[in-house]
Structures are given as structure tokens and as C-alpha cells.
């Protein structure tokens, strides 16, 4: 049920995803859904955001195993581009749509979104600090990378092309390279 929620929220957003649609897509019996998620759709959304956030963080960390920080940035964006293309440009970030739709009126969901994104920033910043960047510069570049990623995903979905993600990966990786080299 949680994985189904991640996918549906990612593709159509939180508000357009109905509780009935979630149950149908997950092929789950009503009774067990209500038993596991007595807080309803909001409780499920928090669990879905936590899962989606963890999956992205794990992907970021896995990409960092393959070389220097600029290469890790490129690898993360390239992996995401491949996943987006495989979804016929219906996928994308498992957090963005939910965050945008719920930030002002669902504090528990907004907090889960904020924690997920913060974990991505921290994973990237940790890697940059390992390349001897100071705390502030590593944090700034990590925020830039995540912000650029989110914007590039949106543009890639709109254009139905991986080019925005791949071009943005190169730009961010170049910035990281300059920071490490200085």
C-alpha cells in the first residue's frame, strides 16, 4: 500500500490520488487498510513520503560510491533521468508534488517532506565534506544540487526529455568540481 501511494503521489499528486484509488491500485482489502492506517490518507502520505525519501537518499548514497563528488552528482541525475524516461515521463520526484500540495495545510505531511529533502541535502553535503569542503560551502552546494534537481525533473517531465536533467547534472557537477579544486 505504501509503495503504491509513493507511485500514485509521484505521478498524479496527493490531492488527485483518492483513498479509493489507492486501495484499488494496491489491491488491498478495505478492512486491512483501515486497520494499518487509522489516520487515513494523511497517515499513509507520511509513510509514503518517508519511504520515497529513503529510496532517493539511498540512491544518492549509492551514486557516491562510484567516484568523486562531481561524478556522484552526474550519476544521481543520470539514474533519475533513466527512471523518468522508463516511466514515460509520468514519474519524477516522490516528494515534490506532495510537498507543494500539502505544505500549508497538512503539517505532518509537510514535516515528513522537509525531513526527506533534508536527508538528501545532508547526504550530498557529507560527501562534499569528505572532499574537504568546509561545512558552509558543502551545505550550500548540496542545497543547490537538490534544488536544481527538482527544477530539472519538472522541466524534463514537461519537455518529455531527459536533456534538462543531464544538462543540469553537468552544470552542478562543474560547480562542485570548481569548489573542490579551489
Foldseek 3Di string as FASTA:
>chain_A
DLCLLLFCCQQPNLVVCDLVNSCVVVVHDPVVVCVVCVVGSLSSLLSNLLVLLVVLLVLLLVLLVPDALLSSLLSSLVVQLVVCLVVLLRGFRSQVRHCVVPVPPRPSNVVSSVVSLVSQLVSQLVRLVVLVFDNVVSSVLSVVSSVQRRVLSVVCSVVVHSVSSNVSSNVSSVVSVVRSVD
